[in-house]
Amino acid sequence: MAVRLRMAVHGVRNNRIFHLVAVNQRQRRNAKPIELLGVYNPRLKPGESTKTIEWSVQRIKYWLKVGATPSKTVTKLLQMGGVLRPDHTLAPEAPKDQASKTSPPPLPEAGEPTSPQAVAS
């Protein structure tokens, strides 16, 4: 059974709470998890300046050790929380060189002819 660490969405609209769960990767997003690993509430309470996540680091490390794959979002959270190193094998790949991509030609400025066969009047 392939296990994935991912976020499950709970709560009403505009008041979401995310659970960090270990779940069979073939099941839907909010399916019954194998284990609840943490809770993330993105809403700030009055007087707070940072968002917090409560999780069980020991259980997360256990699931990673037995081969569970974290989603991209969970990987970023684990790196920010210090559970995973940024150079870890599960870390998302660095973006490829932007210069190698072909960029569209620059747009002509106002007053310049837009077609190659512009007629002078």
PDB file of N, CA and C in Angstrom:
ATOM      1  N   MET A   1       0.850  -1.170   0.000  1.00  0.00           N
ATOM      2  CA  MET A   1       0.000   0.000   0.000  1.00  0.00           C
ATOM      3  C   MET A   1       0.899   1.237   0.000  1.00  0.00           C
ATOM      4  N   ALA A   2       0.688   2.110  -0.975  1.00  0.00           N
ATOM      5  CA  ALA A   2       1.463   3.344  -1.071  1.00  0.00           C
ATOM      6  C   ALA A   2       0.828   4.399  -0.171  1.00  0.00           C
ATOM      7  N   VAL A   3       1.630   4.940   0.729  1.00  0.00           N
ATOM      8  CA  VAL A   3       1.133   5.925   1.686  1.00  0.00           C
ATOM      9  C   VAL A   3       1.668   7.294   1.315  1.00  0.00           C
ATOM     10  N   ARG A   4       0.810   8.293   1.421  1.00  0.00           N
ATOM     11  CA  ARG A   4       1.193   9.670   1.135  1.00  0.00           C
ATOM     12  C   ARG A   4       0.846  10.541   2.329  1.00  0.00           C
ATOM     13  N   LEU A   5       1.737  11.493   2.625  1.00  0.00           N
ATOM     14  CA  LEU A   5       1.467  12.495   3.647  1.00  0.00           C
ATOM     15  C   LEU A   5       0.906  13.713   2.921  1.00  0.00           C
ATOM     16  N   ARG A   6      -0.303  14.095   3.270  1.00  0.00           N
ATOM     17  CA  ARG A   6      -0.927  15.233   2.597  1.00  0.00           C
ATOM     18  C   ARG A   6      -1.884  15.956   3.522  1.00  0.00           C
ATOM     19  N   MET A   7      -2.411  17.057   3.012  1.00  0.00           N
ATOM     20  CA  MET A   7      -3.324  17.871   3.795  1.00  0.00           C
ATOM     21  C   MET A   7      -4.762  17.481   3.458  1.00  0.00           C
ATOM     22  N   ALA A   8      -5.600  17.350   4.491  1.00  0.00           N
ATOM     23  CA  ALA A   8      -7.023  17.112   4.307  1.00  0.00           C
ATOM     24  C   ALA A   8      -7.745  18.380   4.774  1.00  0.00           C
ATOM     25  N   VAL A   9      -8.749  18.798   4.017  1.00  0.00           N
ATOM     26  CA  VAL A   9      -9.454  20.053   4.291  1.00  0.00           C
ATOM     27  C   VAL A   9     -10.690  19.776   5.136  1.00  0.00           C
ATOM     28  N   HIS A  10     -10.866  20.556   6.201  1.00  0.00           N
ATOM     29  CA  HIS A  10     -12.038  20.443   7.069  1.00  0.00           C
ATOM     30  C   HIS A  10     -12.514  21.838   7.420  1.00  0.00           C
ATOM     31  N   GLY A  11     -13.748  21.934   7.859  1.00  0.00           N
ATOM     32  CA  GLY A  11     -14.300  23.222   8.266  1.00  0.00           C
ATOM     33  C   GLY A  11     -15.183  23.813   7.192  1.00  0.00           C
ATOM     34  N   VAL A  12     -15.885  24.871   7.580  1.00  0.00           N
ATOM     35  CA  VAL A  12     -16.792  25.541   6.653  1.00  0.00           C
ATOM     36  C   VAL A  12     -16.030  26.541   5.800  1.00  0.00           C
ATOM     37  N   ARG A  13     -16.662  26.985   4.742  1.00  0.00           N
ATOM     38  CA  ARG A  13     -16.036  27.943   3.834  1.00  0.00           C
ATOM     39  C   ARG A  13     -15.601  29.193   4.605  1.00  0.00           C
ATOM     40  N   ASN A  14     -14.467  29.729   4.245  1.00  0.00           N
ATOM     41  CA  ASN A  14     -13.847  30.901   4.873  1.00  0.00           C
ATOM     42  C   ASN A  14     -13.403  30.645   6.314  1.00  0.00           C
ATOM     43  N   ASN A  15     -13.420  29.409   6.747  1.00  0.00           N
ATOM     44  CA  ASN A  15     -12.911  29.055   8.076  1.00  0.00           C
ATOM     45  C   ASN A  15     -12.339  27.644   8.010  1.00  0.00           C
ATOM     46  N   ARG A  16     -11.417  27.417   7.086  1.00  0.00           N
ATOM     47  CA  ARG A  16     -10.864  26.088   6.848  1.00  0.00           C
ATOM     48  C   ARG A  16      -9.804  25.731   7.884  1.00  0.00           C
ATOM     49  N   ILE A  17      -9.723  24.452   8.150  1.00  0.00           N
ATOM     50  CA  ILE A  17      -8.669  23.873   8.985  1.00  0.00           C
ATOM     51  C   ILE A  17      -8.100  22.721   8.178  1.00  0.00           C
ATOM     52  N   PHE A  18      -6.781  22.586   8.171  1.00  0.00           N
ATOM     53  CA  PHE A  18      -6.120  21.540   7.407  1.00  0.00           C
ATOM     54  C   PHE A  18      -5.506  20.523   8.356  1.00  0.00           C
ATOM     55  N   HIS A  19      -5.769  19.249   8.102  1.00  0.00           N
ATOM     56  CA  HIS A  19      -5.163  18.171   8.881  1.00  0.00           C
ATOM     57  C   HIS A  19      -4.033  17.565   8.063  1.00  0.00           C
ATOM     58  N   LEU A  20      -2.892  17.384   8.688  1.00  0.00           N
ATOM     59  CA  LEU A  20      -1.781  16.675   8.061  1.00  0.00           C
ATOM     60  C   LEU A  20      -2.005  15.202   8.373  1.00  0.00           C
ATOM     61  N   VAL A  21      -2.195  14.389   7.316  1.00  0.00           N
ATOM     62  CA  VAL A  21      -2.573  12.997   7.515  1.00  0.00           C
ATOM     63  C   VAL A  21      -1.697  12.061   6.699  1.00  0.00           C
ATOM     64  N   ALA A  22      -1.616  10.823   7.150  1.00  0.00           N
ATOM     65  CA  ALA A  22      -1.035   9.730   6.380  1.00  0.00           C
ATOM     66  C   ALA A  22      -2.222   8.952   5.823  1.00  0.00           C
ATOM     67  N   VAL A  23      -2.279   8.834   4.484  1.00  0.00           N
ATOM     68  CA  VAL A  23      -3.437   8.209   3.850  1.00  0.00           C
ATOM     69  C   VAL A  23      -2.967   7.412   2.635  1.00  0.00           C
ATOM     70  N   ASN A  24      -3.741   6.388   2.287  1.00  0.00           N
ATOM     71  CA  ASN A  24      -3.464   5.625   1.079  1.00  0.00           C
ATOM     72  C   ASN A  24      -3.585   6.581  -0.104  1.00  0.00           C
ATOM     73  N   GLN A  25      -2.583   6.641  -0.967  1.00  0.00           N
ATOM     74  CA  GLN A  25      -2.564   7.647  -2.025  1.00  0.00           C
ATOM     75  C   GLN A  25      -3.646   7.440  -3.072  1.00  0.00           C
ATOM     76  N   ARG A  26      -4.266   6.284  -3.107  1.00  0.00           N
ATOM     77  CA  ARG A  26      -5.320   6.032  -4.085  1.00  0.00           C
ATOM     78  C   ARG A  26      -6.687   6.522  -3.604  1.00  0.00           C
ATOM     79  N   GLN A  27      -6.763   6.985  -2.369  1.00  0.00           N
ATOM     80  CA  GLN A  27      -8.037   7.459  -1.837  1.00  0.00           C
ATOM     81  C   GLN A  27      -8.195   8.956  -2.064  1.00  0.00           C
ATOM     82  N   ARG A  28      -9.413   9.426  -1.966  1.00  0.00           N
ATOM     83  CA  ARG A  28      -9.707  10.832  -2.192  1.00  0.00           C
ATOM     84  C   ARG A  28      -9.115  11.712  -1.084  1.00  0.00           C
ATOM     85  N   ARG A  29      -9.148  13.022  -1.316  1.00  0.00           N
ATOM     86  CA  ARG A  29      -8.473  13.977  -0.437  1.00  0.00           C
ATOM     87  C   ARG A  29      -8.937  13.894   1.019  1.00  0.00           C
ATOM     88  N   ASN A  30     -10.234  13.841   1.260  1.00  0.00           N
ATOM     89  CA  ASN A  30     -10.746  13.854   2.626  1.00  0.00           C
ATOM     90  C   ASN A  30     -11.160  12.466   3.112  1.00  0.00           C
ATOM     91  N   ALA A  31     -10.577  11.418   2.540  1.00  0.00           N
ATOM     92  CA  ALA A  31     -10.896  10.054   2.958  1.00  0.00           C
ATOM     93  C   ALA A  31     -10.400   9.813   4.384  1.00  0.00           C
ATOM     94  N   LYS A  32     -10.896   8.738   4.979  1.00  0.00           N
ATOM     95  CA  LYS A  32     -10.480   8.415   6.334  1.00  0.00           C
ATOM     96  C   LYS A  32      -8.984   8.107   6.332  1.00  0.00           C
ATOM     97  N   PRO A  33      -8.195   8.850   7.118  1.00  0.00           N
ATOM     98  CA  PRO A  33      -6.745   8.657   7.100  1.00  0.00           C
ATOM     99  C   PRO A  33      -6.311   7.442   7.910  1.00  0.00           C
ATOM    100  N   ILE A  34      -5.100   6.993   7.635  1.00  0.00           N
ATOM    101  CA  ILE A  34      -4.491   5.951   8.446  1.00  0.00           C
ATOM    102  C   ILE A  34      -4.150   6.530   9.807  1.00  0.00           C
ATOM    103  N   GLU A  35      -3.614   7.771   9.783  1.00  0.00           N
ATOM    104  CA  GLU A  35      -3.225   8.428  11.038  1.00  0.00           C
ATOM    105  C   GLU A  35      -3.247   9.939  10.857  1.00  0.00           C
ATOM    106  N   LEU A  36      -3.716  10.640  11.879  1.00  0.00           N
ATOM    107  CA  LEU A  36      -3.690  12.098  11.915  1.00  0.00           C
ATOM    108  C   LEU A  36      -2.347  12.516  12.503  1.00  0.00           C
ATOM    109  N   LEU A  37      -1.576  13.297  11.742  1.00  0.00           N
ATOM    110  CA  LEU A  37      -0.225  13.675  12.167  1.00  0.00           C
ATOM    111  C   LEU A  37      -0.118  15.107  12.655  1.00  0.00           C
ATOM    112  N   GLY A  38      -1.057  15.957  12.282  1.00  0.00           N
ATOM    113  CA  GLY A  38      -0.982  17.342  12.710  1.00  0.00           C
ATOM    114  C   GLY A  38      -2.189  18.139  12.271  1.00  0.00           C
ATOM    115  N   VAL A  39      -2.288  19.355  12.817  1.00  0.00           N
ATOM    116  CA  VAL A  39      -3.389  20.256  12.498  1.00  0.00           C
ATOM    117  C   VAL A  39      -2.816  21.621  12.186  1.00  0.00           C
ATOM    118  N   TYR A  40      -3.265  22.213  11.068  1.00  0.00           N
ATOM    119  CA  TYR A  40      -2.828  23.541  10.657  1.00  0.00           C
ATOM    120  C   TYR A  40      -4.049  24.428  10.509  1.00  0.00           C
ATOM    121  N   ASN A  41      -4.092  25.497  11.289  1.00  0.00           N
ATOM    122  CA  ASN A  41      -5.179  26.464  11.210  1.00  0.00           C
ATOM    123  C   ASN A  41      -4.594  27.758  10.650  1.00  0.00           C
ATOM    124  N   PRO A  42      -4.881  28.091   9.384  1.00  0.00           N
ATOM    125  CA  PRO A  42      -4.270  29.265   8.769  1.00  0.00           C
ATOM    126  C   PRO A  42      -4.826  30.598   9.261  1.00  0.00           C
ATOM    127  N   ARG A  43      -5.896  30.595  10.035  1.00  0.00           N
ATOM    128  CA  ARG A  43      -6.482  31.835  10.534  1.00  0.00           C
ATOM    129  C   ARG A  43      -5.691  32.334  11.735  1.00  0.00           C
ATOM    130  N   LEU A  44      -5.429  33.631  11.766  1.00  0.00           N
ATOM    131  CA  LEU A  44      -4.737  34.232  12.898  1.00  0.00           C
ATOM    132  C   LEU A  44      -5.750  34.632  13.957  1.00  0.00           C
ATOM    133  N   LYS A  45      -5.453  34.299  15.192  1.00  0.00           N
ATOM    134  CA  LYS A  45      -6.304  34.732  16.292  1.00  0.00           C
ATOM    135  C   LYS A  45      -5.938  36.173  16.633  1.00  0.00           C
ATOM    136  N   PRO A  46      -6.840  36.928  17.234  1.00  0.00           N
ATOM    137  CA  PRO A  46      -6.516  38.315  17.586  1.00  0.00           C
ATOM    138  C   PRO A  46      -5.279  38.387  18.479  1.00  0.00           C
ATOM    139  N   GLY A  47      -4.350  39.224  18.094  1.00  0.00           N
ATOM    140  CA  GLY A  47      -3.122  39.398  18.872  1.00  0.00           C
ATOM    141  C   GLY A  47      -1.973  38.514  18.415  1.00  0.00           C
ATOM    142  N   GLU A  48      -2.209  37.558  17.525  1.00  0.00           N
ATOM    143  CA  GLU A  48      -1.136  36.700  17.030  1.00  0.00           C
ATOM    144  C   GLU A  48      -0.551  37.285  15.755  1.00  0.00           C
ATOM    145  N   SER A  49       0.737  37.038  15.545  1.00  0.00           N
ATOM    146  CA  SER A  49       1.380  37.553  14.340  1.00  0.00           C
ATOM    147  C   SER A  49       1.878  36.440  13.425  1.00  0.00           C
ATOM    148  N   THR A  50       1.868  35.191  13.882  1.00  0.00           N
ATOM    149  CA  THR A  50       2.341  34.087  13.060  1.00  0.00           C
ATOM    150  C   THR A  50       1.334  32.941  13.062  1.00  0.00           C
ATOM    151  N   LYS A  51       1.317  32.214  11.968  1.00  0.00           N
ATOM    152  CA  LYS A  51       0.464  31.032  11.866  1.00  0.00           C
ATOM    153  C   LYS A  51       1.209  29.856  12.482  1.00  0.00           C
ATOM    154  N   THR A  52       0.487  28.945  13.082  1.00  0.00           N
ATOM    155  CA  THR A  52       1.139  27.810  13.734  1.00  0.00           C
ATOM    156  C   THR A  52       0.558  26.498  13.202  1.00  0.00           C
ATOM    157  N   ILE A  53       1.386  25.478  13.319  1.00  0.00           N
ATOM    158  CA  ILE A  53       0.955  24.127  12.979  1.00  0.00           C
ATOM    159  C   ILE A  53       1.381  23.218  14.129  1.00  0.00           C
ATOM    160  N   GLU A  54       0.465  22.374  14.551  1.00  0.00           N
ATOM    161  CA  GLU A  54       0.758  21.426  15.622  1.00  0.00           C
ATOM    162  C   GLU A  54       0.901  20.054  14.973  1.00  0.00           C
ATOM    163  N   TRP A  55       2.045  19.410  15.179  1.00  0.00           N
ATOM    164  CA  TRP A  55       2.260  18.112  14.577  1.00  0.00           C
ATOM    165  C   TRP A  55       3.111  17.227  15.455  1.00  0.00           C
ATOM    166  N   SER A  56       3.096  15.944  15.159  1.00  0.00           N
ATOM    167  CA  SER A  56       3.891  14.953  15.861  1.00  0.00           C
ATOM    168  C   SER A  56       5.112  14.627  14.996  1.00  0.00           C
ATOM    169  N   VAL A  57       6.238  15.212  15.359  1.00  0.00           N
ATOM    170  CA  VAL A  57       7.453  15.056  14.563  1.00  0.00           C
ATOM    171  C   VAL A  57       7.902  13.595  14.537  1.00  0.00           C
ATOM    172  N   GLN A  58       7.769  12.901  15.660  1.00  0.00           N
ATOM    173  CA  GLN A  58       8.187  11.502  15.711  1.00  0.00           C
ATOM    174  C   GLN A  58       7.389  10.649  14.723  1.00  0.00           C
ATOM    175  N   ARG A  59       6.074  10.862  14.678  1.00  0.00           N
ATOM    176  CA  ARG A  59       5.236  10.076  13.782  1.00  0.00           C
ATOM    177  C   ARG A  59       5.482  10.449  12.321  1.00  0.00           C
ATOM    178  N   ILE A  60       5.744  11.718  12.029  1.00  0.00           N
ATOM    179  CA  ILE A  60       6.046  12.139  10.656  1.00  0.00           C
ATOM    180  C   ILE A  60       7.341  11.488  10.199  1.00  0.00           C
ATOM    181  N   LYS A  61       8.361  11.505  11.065  1.00  0.00           N
ATOM    182  CA  LYS A  61       9.636  10.876  10.714  1.00  0.00           C
ATOM    183  C   LYS A  61       9.474   9.374  10.526  1.00  0.00           C
ATOM    184  N   TYR A  62       8.610   8.758  11.331  1.00  0.00           N
ATOM    185  CA  TYR A  62       8.356   7.325  11.176  1.00  0.00           C
ATOM    186  C   TYR A  62       7.779   7.039   9.788  1.00  0.00           C
ATOM    187  N   TRP A  63       6.753   7.795   9.385  1.00  0.00           N
ATOM    188  CA  TRP A  63       6.125   7.560   8.093  1.00  0.00           C
ATOM    189  C   TRP A  63       7.084   7.828   6.943  1.00  0.00           C
ATOM    190  N   LEU A  64       7.938   8.836   7.079  1.00  0.00           N
ATOM    191  CA  LEU A  64       8.932   9.090   6.040  1.00  0.00           C
ATOM    192  C   LEU A  64       9.939   7.950   5.973  1.00  0.00           C
ATOM    193  N   LYS A  65      10.288   7.391   7.135  1.00  0.00           N
ATOM    194  CA  LYS A  65      11.257   6.306   7.202  1.00  0.00           C
ATOM    195  C   LYS A  65      10.728   5.029   6.545  1.00  0.00           C
ATOM    196  N   VAL A  66       9.423   4.766   6.684  1.00  0.00           N
ATOM    197  CA  VAL A  66       8.859   3.547   6.096  1.00  0.00           C
ATOM    198  C   VAL A  66       8.435   3.739   4.651  1.00  0.00           C
ATOM    199  N   GLY A  67       8.675   4.931   4.077  1.00  0.00           N
ATOM    200  CA  GLY A  67       8.478   5.114   2.650  1.00  0.00           C
ATOM    201  C   GLY A  67       7.298   5.954   2.226  1.00  0.00           C
ATOM    202  N   ALA A  68       6.656   6.651   3.134  1.00  0.00           N
ATOM    203  CA  ALA A  68       5.549   7.520   2.736  1.00  0.00           C
ATOM    204  C   ALA A  68       6.088   8.717   1.960  1.00  0.00           C
ATOM    205  N   THR A  69       5.360   9.125   0.938  1.00  0.00           N
ATOM    206  CA  THR A  69       5.790  10.265   0.122  1.00  0.00           C
ATOM    207  C   THR A  69       4.967  11.488   0.494  1.00  0.00           C
ATOM    208  N   PRO A  70       5.604  12.592   0.859  1.00  0.00           N
ATOM    209  CA  PRO A  70       4.832  13.800   1.170  1.00  0.00           C
ATOM    210  C   PRO A  70       4.454  14.544  -0.109  1.00  0.00           C
ATOM    211  N   SER A  71       3.334  15.244  -0.063  1.00  0.00           N
ATOM    212  CA  SER A  71       2.941  16.083  -1.193  1.00  0.00           C
ATOM    213  C   SER A  71       3.852  17.314  -1.220  1.00  0.00           C
ATOM    214  N   LYS A  72       3.759  18.111  -2.295  1.00  0.00           N
ATOM    215  CA  LYS A  72       4.611  19.293  -2.402  1.00  0.00           C
ATOM    216  C   LYS A  72       4.352  20.264  -1.257  1.00  0.00           C
ATOM    217  N   THR A  73       3.084  20.470  -0.924  1.00  0.00           N
ATOM    218  CA  THR A  73       2.723  21.393   0.147  1.00  0.00           C
ATOM    219  C   THR A  73       3.266  20.909   1.488  1.00  0.00           C
ATOM    220  N   VAL A  74       3.116  19.628   1.768  1.00  0.00           N
ATOM    221  CA  VAL A  74       3.604  19.071   3.030  1.00  0.00           C
ATOM    222  C   VAL A  74       5.122  19.142   3.078  1.00  0.00           C
ATOM    223  N   THR A  75       5.792  18.895   1.954  1.00  0.00           N
ATOM    224  CA  THR A  75       7.252  18.991   1.917  1.00  0.00           C
ATOM    225  C   THR A  75       7.715  20.389   2.277  1.00  0.00           C
ATOM    226  N   LYS A  76       7.052  21.412   1.722  1.00  0.00           N
ATOM    227  CA  LYS A  76       7.417  22.792   2.042  1.00  0.00           C
ATOM    228  C   LYS A  76       7.214  23.095   3.524  1.00  0.00           C
ATOM    229  N   LEU A  77       6.092  22.623   4.088  1.00  0.00           N
ATOM    230  CA  LEU A  77       5.835  22.855   5.514  1.00  0.00           C
ATOM    231  C   LEU A  77       6.873  22.142   6.382  1.00  0.00           C
ATOM    232  N   LEU A  78       7.236  20.920   6.005  1.00  0.00           N
ATOM    233  CA  LEU A  78       8.223  20.176   6.790  1.00  0.00           C
ATOM    234  C   LEU A  78       9.597  20.845   6.718  1.00  0.00           C
ATOM    235  N   GLN A  79       9.926  21.427   5.577  1.00  0.00           N
ATOM    236  CA  GLN A  79      11.196  22.150   5.469  1.00  0.00           C
ATOM    237  C   GLN A  79      11.171  23.416   6.309  1.00  0.00           C
ATOM    238  N   MET A  80      10.057  24.144   6.276  1.00  0.00           N
ATOM    239  CA  MET A  80       9.948  25.365   7.072  1.00  0.00           C
ATOM    240  C   MET A  80       9.989  25.057   8.567  1.00  0.00           C
ATOM    241  N   GLY A  81       9.445  23.898   8.947  1.00  0.00           N
ATOM    242  CA  GLY A  81       9.422  23.500  10.350  1.00  0.00           C
ATOM    243  C   GLY A  81      10.697  22.822  10.810  1.00  0.00           C
ATOM    244  N   GLY A  82      11.626  22.560   9.899  1.00  0.00           N
ATOM    245  CA  GLY A  82      12.891  21.948  10.281  1.00  0.00           C
ATOM    246  C   GLY A  82      12.857  20.435  10.374  1.00  0.00           C
ATOM    247  N   VAL A  83      11.781  19.807   9.933  1.00  0.00           N
ATOM    248  CA  VAL A  83      11.705  18.349   9.969  1.00  0.00           C
ATOM    249  C   VAL A  83      12.503  17.757   8.805  1.00  0.00           C
ATOM    250  N   LEU A  84      12.440  18.394   7.631  1.00  0.00           N
ATOM    251  CA  LEU A  84      13.216  17.982   6.463  1.00  0.00           C
ATOM    252  C   LEU A  84      14.262  19.035   6.141  1.00  0.00           C
ATOM    253  N   ARG A  85      15.420  18.584   5.686  1.00  0.00           N
ATOM    254  CA  ARG A  85      16.445  19.527   5.216  1.00  0.00           C
ATOM    255  C   ARG A  85      16.062  20.003   3.816  1.00  0.00           C
ATOM    256  N   PRO A  86      16.455  21.219   3.435  1.00  0.00           N
ATOM    257  CA  PRO A  86      16.129  21.706   2.093  1.00  0.00           C
ATOM    258  C   PRO A  86      16.739  20.862   0.975  1.00  0.00           C
ATOM    259  N   ASP A  87      17.859  20.191   1.237  1.00  0.00           N
ATOM    260  CA  ASP A  87      18.495  19.377   0.204  1.00  0.00           C
ATOM    261  C   ASP A  87      18.072  17.903   0.285  1.00  0.00           C
ATOM    262  N   HIS A  88      17.024  17.607   1.039  1.00  0.00           N
ATOM    263  CA  HIS A  88      16.540  16.240   1.195  1.00  0.00           C
ATOM    264  C   HIS A  88      16.049  15.712  -0.144  1.00  0.00           C
ATOM    265  N   THR A  89      16.094  14.392  -0.337  1.00  0.00           N
ATOM    266  CA  THR A  89      15.701  13.799  -1.609  1.00  0.00           C
ATOM    267  C   THR A  89      14.221  14.010  -1.914  1.00  0.00           C
ATOM    268  N   LEU A  90      13.403  14.236  -0.889  1.00  0.00           N
ATOM    269  CA  LEU A  90      11.981  14.462  -1.108  1.00  0.00           C
ATOM    270  C   LEU A  90      11.671  15.919  -1.408  1.00  0.00           C
ATOM    271  N   ALA A  91      12.684  16.790  -1.319  1.00  0.00           N
ATOM    272  CA  ALA A  91      12.465  18.214  -1.570  1.00  0.00           C
ATOM    273  C   ALA A  91      12.099  18.426  -3.030  1.00  0.00           C
ATOM    274  N   PRO A  92      11.206  19.393  -3.301  1.00  0.00           N
ATOM    275  CA  PRO A  92      10.856  19.652  -4.704  1.00  0.00           C
ATOM    276  C   PRO A  92      12.061  20.144  -5.473  1.00  0.00           C
ATOM    277  N   GLU A  93      12.079  19.829  -6.763  1.00  0.00           N
ATOM    278  CA  GLU A  93      13.216  20.206  -7.596  1.00  0.00           C
ATOM    279  C   GLU A  93      13.287  21.720  -7.754  1.00  0.00           C
ATOM    280  N   ALA A  94      14.512  22.223  -7.876  1.00  0.00           N
ATOM    281  CA  ALA A  94      14.704  23.649  -8.103  1.00  0.00           C
ATOM    282  C   ALA A  94      14.196  23.994  -9.498  1.00  0.00           C
ATOM    283  N   PRO A  95      13.670  25.206  -9.667  1.00  0.00           N
ATOM    284  CA  PRO A  95      13.186  25.568 -11.000  1.00  0.00           C
ATOM    285  C   PRO A  95      14.319  25.552 -12.011  1.00  0.00           C
ATOM    286  N   LYS A  96      14.002  25.100 -13.222  1.00  0.00           N
ATOM    287  CA  LYS A  96      15.018  25.020 -14.265  1.00  0.00           C
ATOM    288  C   LYS A  96      15.385  26.415 -14.735  1.00  0.00           C
ATOM    289  N   ASP A  97      16.488  26.509 -15.453  1.00  0.00           N
ATOM    290  CA  ASP A  97      17.000  27.797 -15.909  1.00  0.00           C
ATOM    291  C   ASP A  97      15.937  28.527 -16.732  1.00  0.00           C
ATOM    292  N   GLN A  98      15.584  29.725 -16.300  1.00  0.00           N
ATOM    293  CA  GLN A  98      14.563  30.505 -16.979  1.00  0.00           C
ATOM    294  C   GLN A  98      15.048  31.026 -18.325  1.00  0.00           C
ATOM    295  N   ALA A  99      16.373  31.180 -18.509  1.00  0.00           N
ATOM    296  CA  ALA A  99      16.903  31.725 -19.754  1.00  0.00           C
ATOM    297  C   ALA A  99      16.724  30.754 -20.914  1.00  0.00           C
ATOM    298  N   SER A 100      16.635  29.461 -20.627  1.00  0.00           N
ATOM    299  CA  SER A 100      16.509  28.484 -21.700  1.00  0.00           C
ATOM    300  C   SER A 100      15.123  28.499 -22.329  1.00  0.00           C
ATOM    301  N   LYS A 101      14.137  29.012 -21.618  1.00  0.00           N
ATOM    302  CA  LYS A 101      12.798  29.081 -22.174  1.00  0.00           C
ATOM    303  C   LYS A 101      12.734  30.188 -23.212  1.00  0.00           C
ATOM    304  N   THR A 102      11.979  29.939 -24.256  1.00  0.00           N
ATOM    305  CA  THR A 102      11.840  30.970 -25.277  1.00  0.00           C
ATOM    306  C   THR A 102      10.813  31.982 -24.811  1.00  0.00           C
ATOM    307  N   SER A 103      11.158  33.236 -24.885  1.00  0.00           N
ATOM    308  CA  SER A 103      10.244  34.282 -24.467  1.00  0.00           C
ATOM    309  C   SER A 103       9.573  34.868 -25.693  1.00  0.00           C
ATOM    310  N   PRO A 104       8.368  35.376 -25.541  1.00  0.00           N
ATOM    311  CA  PRO A 104       7.679  35.957 -26.687  1.00  0.00           C
ATOM    312  C   PRO A 104       8.386  37.236 -27.122  1.00  0.00           C
ATOM    313  N   PRO A 105       8.246  37.603 -28.399  1.00  0.00           N
ATOM    314  CA  PRO A 105       8.902  38.822 -28.863  1.00  0.00           C
ATOM    315  C   PRO A 105       8.307  40.043 -28.166  1.00  0.00           C
ATOM    316  N   PRO A 106       9.086  41.099 -28.002  1.00  0.00           N
ATOM    317  CA  PRO A 106       8.576  42.286 -27.317  1.00  0.00           C
ATOM    318  C   PRO A 106       7.459  42.935 -28.123  1.00  0.00           C
ATOM    319  N   LEU A 107       6.527  43.545 -27.402  1.00  0.00           N
ATOM    320  CA  LEU A 107       5.414  44.220 -28.053  1.00  0.00           C
ATOM    321  C   LEU A 107       5.889  45.534 -28.661  1.00  0.00           C
ATOM    322  N   PRO A 108       5.333  45.907 -29.808  1.00  0.00           N
ATOM    323  CA  PRO A 108       5.739  47.182 -30.410  1.00  0.00           C
ATOM    324  C   PRO A 108       5.197  48.342 -29.586  1.00  0.00           C
ATOM    325  N   GLU A 109       5.947  49.404 -29.534  1.00  0.00           N
ATOM    326  CA  GLU A 109       5.515  50.575 -28.786  1.00  0.00           C
ATOM    327  C   GLU A 109       4.521  51.360 -29.615  1.00  0.00           C
ATOM    328  N   ALA A 110       3.829  52.272 -28.976  1.00  0.00           N
ATOM    329  CA  ALA A 110       2.834  53.095 -29.676  1.00  0.00           C
ATOM    330  C   ALA A 110       3.525  53.915 -30.748  1.00  0.00           C
ATOM    331  N   GLY A 111       2.955  53.951 -31.906  1.00  0.00           N
ATOM    332  CA  GLY A 111       3.523  54.733 -33.006  1.00  0.00           C
ATOM    333  C   GLY A 111       4.330  53.877 -33.962  1.00  0.00           C
ATOM    334  N   GLU A 112       4.788  52.715 -33.556  1.00  0.00           N
ATOM    335  CA  GLU A 112       5.546  51.838 -34.440  1.00  0.00           C
ATOM    336  C   GLU A 112       4.558  51.004 -35.264  1.00  0.00           C
ATOM    337  N   PRO A 113       4.904  50.702 -36.486  1.00  0.00           N
ATOM    338  CA  PRO A 113       4.006  49.859 -37.287  1.00  0.00           C
ATOM    339  C   PRO A 113       3.960  48.453 -36.706  1.00  0.00           C
ATOM    340  N   THR A 114       2.799  47.820 -36.756  1.00  0.00           N
ATOM    341  CA  THR A 114       2.649  46.493 -36.186  1.00  0.00           C
ATOM    342  C   THR A 114       2.833  45.393 -37.204  1.00  0.00           C
ATOM    343  N   SER A 115       2.675  45.670 -38.463  1.00  0.00           N
ATOM    344  CA  SER A 115       2.878  44.633 -39.478  1.00  0.00           C
ATOM    345  C   SER A 115       4.169  44.912 -40.244  1.00  0.00           C
ATOM    346  N   PRO A 116       4.790  43.880 -40.792  1.00  0.00           N
ATOM    347  CA  PRO A 116       6.048  44.112 -41.491  1.00  0.00           C
ATOM    348  C   PRO A 116       5.861  44.922 -42.782  1.00  0.00           C
ATOM    349  N   GLN A 117       4.681  44.949 -43.339  1.00  0.00           N
ATOM    350  CA  GLN A 117       4.444  45.668 -44.603  1.00  0.00           C
ATOM    351  C   GLN A 117       3.575  46.899 -44.337  1.00  0.00           C
ATOM    352  N   ALA A 118       4.006  47.740 -43.445  1.00  0.00           N
ATOM    353  CA  ALA A 118       3.227  48.942 -43.128  1.00  0.00           C
ATOM    354  C   ALA A 118       3.310  49.930 -44.281  1.00  0.00           C
ATOM    355  N   VAL A 119       2.195  50.552 -44.557  1.00  0.00           N
ATOM    356  CA  VAL A 119       2.119  51.526 -45.646  1.00  0.00           C
ATOM    357  C   VAL A 119       2.303  52.918 -45.064  1.00  0.00           C
ATOM    358  N   ALA A 120       3.242  53.674 -45.612  1.00  0.00           N
ATOM    359  CA  ALA A 120       3.451  55.041 -45.154  1.00  0.00           C
ATOM    360  C   ALA A 120       2.442  55.944 -45.824  1.00  0.00           C
ATOM    361  N   SER A 121       1.790  56.794 -45.086  1.00  0.00           N
ATOM    362  CA  SER A 121       0.812  57.679 -45.688  1.00  0.00           C
ATOM    363  C   SER A 121       1.180  59.127 -45.540  1.00  0.00           C
TER     364      SER A 121
END
